[in-house]
Amino acid sequence: TFAKIIYRIFVLFCIILLWVVFRCTDISTCGEYIFHMLSPSAGNPEYDIRFAYLLKSYGIFIVSGIALSTPIIPFISRKMDNCKPLRIIKTIISPVVIFSLFILALSFVSSGINNPFAYANF
């Protein structure tokens, strides 16, 4: 339901804020860090350019992660199992989508193979 989705978003938001609280050494640094998290540009247009680049590069992973972290996939799967033609389409499309996402993720990792900080991709 919608309430469960809002609850999940709220919990993830609280977890992120708590990471900041445990990372910072004092209250003023914590407040400043949270301010910059909630308003990324904060008077600096360079952040907007970087955000657009990251969204363009990793947008498919963000959308996939959001979709796969909600119960919408099991819901769609149950609905498709009730109809025989959709069940056949599901058995064909599902492995193709998963394999495509795997190849896409693998290409991102392998493209930075000569990067001395390649471990950061994992």
N, C-alpha and C. Protein backbone atom coordinates (compact mmCIF):
# COMPACT_ATOMS: atom_id res chain seq x y z
N THR A 1 0.83 -1.19 0.00
CA THR A 1 0.00 0.00 0.00
C THR A 1 0.87 1.25 0.00
N PHE A 2 0.23 2.38 -0.17
CA PHE A 2 0.95 3.65 -0.22
C PHE A 2 1.62 3.98 1.11
N ALA A 3 0.97 3.61 2.21
CA ALA A 3 1.54 3.89 3.54
C ALA A 3 2.85 3.13 3.74
N LYS A 4 2.92 1.90 3.25
CA LYS A 4 4.16 1.12 3.37
C LYS A 4 5.30 1.74 2.56
N ILE A 5 4.98 2.27 1.39
CA ILE A 5 6.00 2.92 0.55
C ILE A 5 6.52 4.17 1.25
N ILE A 6 5.61 4.97 1.79
CA ILE A 6 6.03 6.18 2.52
C ILE A 6 6.87 5.79 3.73
N TYR A 7 6.48 4.72 4.42
CA TYR A 7 7.24 4.26 5.58
C TYR A 7 8.66 3.85 5.19
N ARG A 8 8.80 3.14 4.08
CA ARG A 8 10.13 2.73 3.63
C ARG A 8 11.00 3.93 3.27
N ILE A 9 10.42 4.89 2.58
CA ILE A 9 11.17 6.10 2.22
C ILE A 9 11.60 6.84 3.48
N PHE A 10 10.71 6.94 4.44
CA PHE A 10 11.03 7.63 5.69
C PHE A 10 12.14 6.91 6.45
N VAL A 11 12.08 5.59 6.51
CA VAL A 11 13.11 4.82 7.21
C VAL A 11 14.47 4.99 6.53
N LEU A 12 14.51 4.92 5.21
CA LEU A 12 15.78 5.11 4.49
C LEU A 12 16.33 6.52 4.70
N PHE A 13 15.45 7.51 4.72
CA PHE A 13 15.88 8.88 4.96
C PHE A 13 16.48 9.01 6.37
N CYS A 14 15.83 8.40 7.35
CA CYS A 14 16.35 8.45 8.73
C CYS A 14 17.69 7.74 8.85
N ILE A 15 17.85 6.62 8.17
CA ILE A 15 19.13 5.90 8.21
C ILE A 15 20.25 6.76 7.63
N ILE A 16 19.99 7.43 6.52
CA ILE A 16 21.00 8.29 5.91
C ILE A 16 21.36 9.43 6.85
N LEU A 17 20.36 10.03 7.47
CA LEU A 17 20.65 11.12 8.41
C LEU A 17 21.44 10.62 9.62
N LEU A 18 21.16 9.42 10.08
CA LEU A 18 21.91 8.89 11.21
C LEU A 18 23.35 8.59 10.84
N TRP A 19 23.61 8.19 9.61
CA TRP A 19 24.99 8.00 9.17
C TRP A 19 25.76 9.31 9.28
N VAL A 20 25.09 10.39 8.90
CA VAL A 20 25.73 11.72 8.99
C VAL A 20 26.01 12.07 10.45
N VAL A 21 25.05 11.80 11.32
CA VAL A 21 25.22 12.12 12.74
C VAL A 21 26.41 11.36 13.32
N PHE A 22 26.55 10.10 12.99
CA PHE A 22 27.66 9.32 13.53
C PHE A 22 28.99 9.68 12.88
N ARG A 23 28.97 10.23 11.67
CA ARG A 23 30.19 10.60 10.97
C ARG A 23 30.77 11.90 11.50
N CYS A 24 29.92 12.85 11.78
CA CYS A 24 30.37 14.20 12.15
C CYS A 24 30.90 14.23 13.59
N THR A 25 31.83 15.18 13.79
CA THR A 25 32.45 15.29 15.11
C THR A 25 31.72 16.27 16.02
N ASP A 26 31.02 17.25 15.43
CA ASP A 26 30.27 18.20 16.25
C ASP A 26 28.96 18.57 15.58
N ILE A 27 28.12 19.27 16.31
CA ILE A 27 26.77 19.60 15.84
C ILE A 27 26.80 20.54 14.63
N SER A 28 27.70 21.53 14.63
CA SER A 28 27.73 22.49 13.52
C SER A 28 28.13 21.80 12.21
N THR A 29 29.09 20.90 12.28
CA THR A 29 29.49 20.15 11.07
C THR A 29 28.34 19.28 10.60
N CYS A 30 27.64 18.68 11.53
CA CYS A 30 26.50 17.83 11.20
C CYS A 30 25.40 18.64 10.50
N GLY A 31 25.08 19.80 11.06
CA GLY A 31 24.07 20.66 10.45
C GLY A 31 24.46 21.12 9.07
N GLU A 32 25.73 21.47 8.91
CA GLU A 32 26.22 21.92 7.60
C GLU A 32 26.16 20.79 6.58
N TYR A 33 26.55 19.61 7.00
CA TYR A 33 26.54 18.45 6.10
C TYR A 33 25.12 18.13 5.65
N ILE A 34 24.18 18.13 6.61
CA ILE A 34 22.78 17.85 6.27
C ILE A 34 22.22 18.94 5.36
N PHE A 35 22.59 20.20 5.60
CA PHE A 35 22.14 21.28 4.74
C PHE A 35 22.59 21.06 3.30
N HIS A 36 23.85 20.65 3.12
CA HIS A 36 24.36 20.41 1.78
C HIS A 36 23.76 19.16 1.14
N MET A 37 23.34 18.21 1.97
CA MET A 37 22.65 17.04 1.43
C MET A 37 21.27 17.39 0.91
N LEU A 38 20.58 18.26 1.63
CA LEU A 38 19.20 18.58 1.26
C LEU A 38 19.11 19.66 0.20
N SER A 39 20.16 20.46 0.04
CA SER A 39 20.20 21.47 -1.02
C SER A 39 21.54 21.37 -1.73
N PRO A 40 21.67 20.41 -2.66
CA PRO A 40 22.98 20.12 -3.24
C PRO A 40 23.64 21.29 -3.94
N SER A 41 22.87 22.16 -4.59
CA SER A 41 23.53 23.26 -5.29
C SER A 41 24.06 24.28 -4.31
N ALA A 42 23.28 24.65 -3.32
CA ALA A 42 23.69 25.57 -2.25
C ALA A 42 24.52 26.73 -2.78
N GLY A 43 24.09 27.30 -3.87
CA GLY A 43 24.80 28.46 -4.43
C GLY A 43 25.95 28.10 -5.34
N ASN A 44 26.19 26.82 -5.58
CA ASN A 44 27.30 26.40 -6.42
C ASN A 44 26.75 25.65 -7.63
N PRO A 45 26.77 26.28 -8.82
CA PRO A 45 26.20 25.62 -10.01
C PRO A 45 26.99 24.39 -10.46
N GLU A 46 28.22 24.23 -9.97
CA GLU A 46 29.02 23.07 -10.35
C GLU A 46 28.36 21.77 -9.87
N TYR A 47 27.68 21.82 -8.74
CA TYR A 47 27.01 20.63 -8.24
C TYR A 47 25.87 20.20 -9.16
N ASP A 48 25.18 21.16 -9.75
CA ASP A 48 24.10 20.82 -10.66
C ASP A 48 24.62 20.09 -11.89
N ILE A 49 25.77 20.50 -12.40
CA ILE A 49 26.37 19.84 -13.55
C ILE A 49 26.79 18.42 -13.19
N ARG A 50 27.39 18.27 -12.03
CA ARG A 50 27.82 16.94 -11.58
C ARG A 50 26.61 16.03 -11.35
N PHE A 51 25.56 16.57 -10.76
CA PHE A 51 24.35 15.78 -10.53
C PHE A 51 23.76 15.31 -11.85
N ALA A 52 23.70 16.20 -12.84
CA ALA A 52 23.16 15.82 -14.15
C ALA A 52 24.01 14.73 -14.80
N TYR A 53 25.34 14.83 -14.66
CA TYR A 53 26.22 13.81 -15.21
C TYR A 53 25.99 12.46 -14.52
N LEU A 54 25.92 12.47 -13.20
CA LEU A 54 25.72 11.22 -12.46
C LEU A 54 24.36 10.61 -12.76
N LEU A 55 23.34 11.45 -12.89
CA LEU A 55 22.01 10.95 -13.21
C LEU A 55 21.98 10.32 -14.60
N LYS A 56 22.69 10.95 -15.54
CA LYS A 56 22.75 10.41 -16.90
C LYS A 56 23.52 9.09 -16.92
N SER A 57 24.60 9.01 -16.16
CA SER A 57 25.43 7.81 -16.17
C SER A 57 24.81 6.65 -15.41
N TYR A 58 24.19 6.93 -14.29
CA TYR A 58 23.71 5.88 -13.41
C TYR A 58 22.20 5.87 -13.24
N GLY A 59 21.48 6.56 -14.09
CA GLY A 59 20.03 6.66 -13.97
C GLY A 59 19.33 5.32 -14.04
N ILE A 60 19.78 4.44 -14.93
CA ILE A 60 19.15 3.12 -15.06
C ILE A 60 19.30 2.31 -13.78
N PHE A 61 20.44 2.47 -13.10
CA PHE A 61 20.65 1.74 -11.85
C PHE A 61 19.80 2.32 -10.73
N ILE A 62 19.64 3.63 -10.73
CA ILE A 62 18.80 4.26 -9.71
C ILE A 62 17.35 3.83 -9.87
N VAL A 63 16.84 3.89 -11.09
CA VAL A 63 15.46 3.48 -11.34
C VAL A 63 15.26 2.00 -11.05
N SER A 64 16.21 1.17 -11.47
CA SER A 64 16.12 -0.27 -11.20
C SER A 64 16.16 -0.54 -9.70
N GLY A 65 17.04 0.14 -9.00
CA GLY A 65 17.14 -0.06 -7.55
C GLY A 65 15.88 0.34 -6.83
N ILE A 66 15.29 1.45 -7.24
CA ILE A 66 14.04 1.88 -6.61
C ILE A 66 12.92 0.89 -6.91
N ALA A 67 12.82 0.47 -8.16
CA ALA A 67 11.75 -0.47 -8.53
C ALA A 67 11.93 -1.81 -7.85
N LEU A 68 13.16 -2.29 -7.77
CA LEU A 68 13.39 -3.61 -7.19
C LEU A 68 13.38 -3.61 -5.67
N SER A 69 13.42 -2.44 -5.05
CA SER A 69 13.37 -2.39 -3.59
C SER A 69 11.95 -2.22 -3.06
N THR A 70 11.00 -2.11 -3.93
CA THR A 70 9.60 -2.00 -3.52
C THR A 70 8.89 -3.31 -3.85
N PRO A 71 7.74 -3.52 -3.28
CA PRO A 71 7.01 -4.76 -3.57
C PRO A 71 6.25 -4.73 -4.90
N ILE A 72 6.58 -3.80 -5.78
CA ILE A 72 5.84 -3.72 -7.04
C ILE A 72 6.17 -4.87 -7.97
N ILE A 73 7.39 -5.37 -7.93
CA ILE A 73 7.77 -6.48 -8.81
C ILE A 73 7.01 -7.77 -8.44
N PRO A 74 6.95 -8.15 -7.15
CA PRO A 74 6.12 -9.33 -6.82
C PRO A 74 4.64 -9.13 -7.15
N PHE A 75 4.16 -7.90 -7.00
CA PHE A 75 2.75 -7.60 -7.33
C PHE A 75 2.50 -7.83 -8.81
N ILE A 76 3.37 -7.30 -9.66
CA ILE A 76 3.23 -7.47 -11.11
C ILE A 76 3.37 -8.95 -11.47
N SER A 77 4.29 -9.63 -10.82
CA SER A 77 4.51 -11.06 -11.09
C SER A 77 3.26 -11.87 -10.77
N ARG A 78 2.63 -11.59 -9.64
CA ARG A 78 1.39 -12.31 -9.27
C ARG A 78 0.28 -12.05 -10.28
N LYS A 79 0.17 -10.79 -10.72
CA LYS A 79 -0.87 -10.45 -11.70
C LYS A 79 -0.60 -11.14 -13.04
N MET A 80 0.67 -11.25 -13.43
CA MET A 80 1.01 -11.89 -14.70
C MET A 80 0.80 -13.40 -14.63
N ASP A 81 0.95 -13.99 -13.46
CA ASP A 81 0.75 -15.43 -13.32
C ASP A 81 -0.71 -15.83 -13.48
N ASN A 82 -1.62 -14.89 -13.29
CA ASN A 82 -3.04 -15.19 -13.41
C ASN A 82 -3.50 -15.29 -14.87
N CYS A 83 -2.73 -14.76 -15.78
CA CYS A 83 -3.11 -14.75 -17.20
C CYS A 83 -2.07 -15.55 -17.99
N LYS A 84 -2.51 -16.56 -18.75
CA LYS A 84 -1.58 -17.46 -19.43
C LYS A 84 -0.69 -16.74 -20.46
N PRO A 85 -1.22 -15.88 -21.34
CA PRO A 85 -0.32 -15.20 -22.30
C PRO A 85 0.73 -14.32 -21.60
N LEU A 86 0.31 -13.66 -20.53
CA LEU A 86 1.27 -12.82 -19.80
C LEU A 86 2.31 -13.67 -19.07
N ARG A 87 1.91 -14.85 -18.63
CA ARG A 87 2.86 -15.76 -17.97
C ARG A 87 3.95 -16.19 -18.94
N ILE A 88 3.58 -16.45 -20.18
CA ILE A 88 4.57 -16.84 -21.20
C ILE A 88 5.51 -15.67 -21.48
N ILE A 89 4.95 -14.47 -21.60
CA ILE A 89 5.79 -13.28 -21.82
C ILE A 89 6.73 -13.06 -20.65
N LYS A 90 6.23 -13.27 -19.44
CA LYS A 90 7.04 -13.09 -18.23
C LYS A 90 8.23 -14.05 -18.22
N THR A 91 8.00 -15.30 -18.59
CA THR A 91 9.09 -16.27 -18.57
C THR A 91 10.16 -15.95 -19.61
N ILE A 92 9.78 -15.23 -20.66
CA ILE A 92 10.77 -14.84 -21.68
C ILE A 92 11.46 -13.53 -21.31
N ILE A 93 10.69 -12.55 -20.90
CA ILE A 93 11.22 -11.20 -20.65
C ILE A 93 12.05 -11.12 -19.38
N SER A 94 11.64 -11.79 -18.34
CA SER A 94 12.31 -11.67 -17.04
C SER A 94 13.80 -12.01 -17.11
N PRO A 95 14.21 -13.15 -17.66
CA PRO A 95 15.65 -13.42 -17.74
C PRO A 95 16.40 -12.44 -18.64
N VAL A 96 15.74 -11.97 -19.69
CA VAL A 96 16.39 -11.02 -20.60
C VAL A 96 16.68 -9.70 -19.88
N VAL A 97 15.72 -9.22 -19.11
CA VAL A 97 15.91 -7.97 -18.37
C VAL A 97 17.01 -8.12 -17.32
N ILE A 98 16.99 -9.20 -16.58
CA ILE A 98 18.00 -9.42 -15.54
C ILE A 98 19.38 -9.55 -16.16
N PHE A 99 19.49 -10.30 -17.25
CA PHE A 99 20.79 -10.47 -17.91
C PHE A 99 21.28 -9.14 -18.49
N SER A 100 20.37 -8.35 -19.06
CA SER A 100 20.75 -7.04 -19.60
C SER A 100 21.28 -6.11 -18.50
N LEU A 101 20.62 -6.09 -17.36
CA LEU A 101 21.11 -5.27 -16.24
C LEU A 101 22.47 -5.77 -15.74
N PHE A 102 22.66 -7.08 -15.74
CA PHE A 102 23.95 -7.64 -15.33
C PHE A 102 25.06 -7.21 -16.29
N ILE A 103 24.81 -7.31 -17.59
CA ILE A 103 25.81 -6.91 -18.59
C ILE A 103 26.10 -5.41 -18.48
N LEU A 104 25.09 -4.61 -18.26
CA LEU A 104 25.28 -3.17 -18.11
C LEU A 104 26.13 -2.86 -16.88
N ALA A 105 25.84 -3.51 -15.76
CA ALA A 105 26.65 -3.32 -14.56
C ALA A 105 28.08 -3.79 -14.77
N LEU A 106 28.25 -4.90 -15.45
CA LEU A 106 29.57 -5.44 -15.73
C LEU A 106 30.37 -4.49 -16.63
N SER A 107 29.70 -3.85 -17.58
CA SER A 107 30.40 -2.91 -18.45
C SER A 107 30.89 -1.68 -17.68
N PHE A 108 30.12 -1.24 -16.69
CA PHE A 108 30.56 -0.11 -15.87
C PHE A 108 31.78 -0.48 -15.04
N VAL A 109 31.80 -1.69 -14.51
CA VAL A 109 32.93 -2.12 -13.70
C VAL A 109 34.16 -2.31 -14.57
N SER A 110 34.00 -2.95 -15.73
CA SER A 110 35.16 -3.24 -16.57
C SER A 110 35.70 -2.00 -17.27
N SER A 111 34.89 -0.97 -17.45
CA SER A 111 35.39 0.24 -18.10
C SER A 111 36.39 0.98 -17.22
N GLY A 112 36.34 0.77 -15.93
CA GLY A 112 37.29 1.41 -15.03
C GLY A 112 38.35 0.45 -14.53
N ILE A 113 38.68 -0.56 -15.32
CA ILE A 113 39.60 -1.60 -14.86
C ILE A 113 41.02 -1.08 -14.63
N ASN A 114 41.45 -0.07 -15.38
CA ASN A 114 42.78 0.47 -15.20
C ASN A 114 42.82 1.59 -14.17
N ASN A 115 41.71 1.86 -13.58
CA ASN A 115 41.61 2.88 -12.56
C ASN A 115 42.23 2.35 -11.27
N PRO A 116 43.17 3.11 -10.66
CA PRO A 116 43.75 2.62 -9.42
C PRO A 116 42.74 2.53 -8.28
N PHE A 117 41.59 3.19 -8.41
CA PHE A 117 40.55 3.13 -7.40
C PHE A 117 39.38 2.28 -7.88
N ALA A 118 39.66 1.24 -8.63
CA ALA A 118 38.61 0.39 -9.19
C ALA A 118 37.78 -0.28 -8.11
N TYR A 119 38.36 -0.50 -6.93
CA TYR A 119 37.61 -1.15 -5.86
C TYR A 119 36.41 -0.31 -5.45
N ALA A 120 36.42 0.98 -5.71
CA ALA A 120 35.30 1.85 -5.34
C ALA A 120 34.06 1.53 -6.17
N ASN A 121 34.22 0.89 -7.32
CA ASN A 121 33.07 0.51 -8.13
C ASN A 121 32.25 -0.61 -7.51
N PHE A 122 32.86 -1.37 -6.62
CA PHE A 122 32.14 -2.46 -5.99
C PHE A 122 31.43 -1.96 -4.78
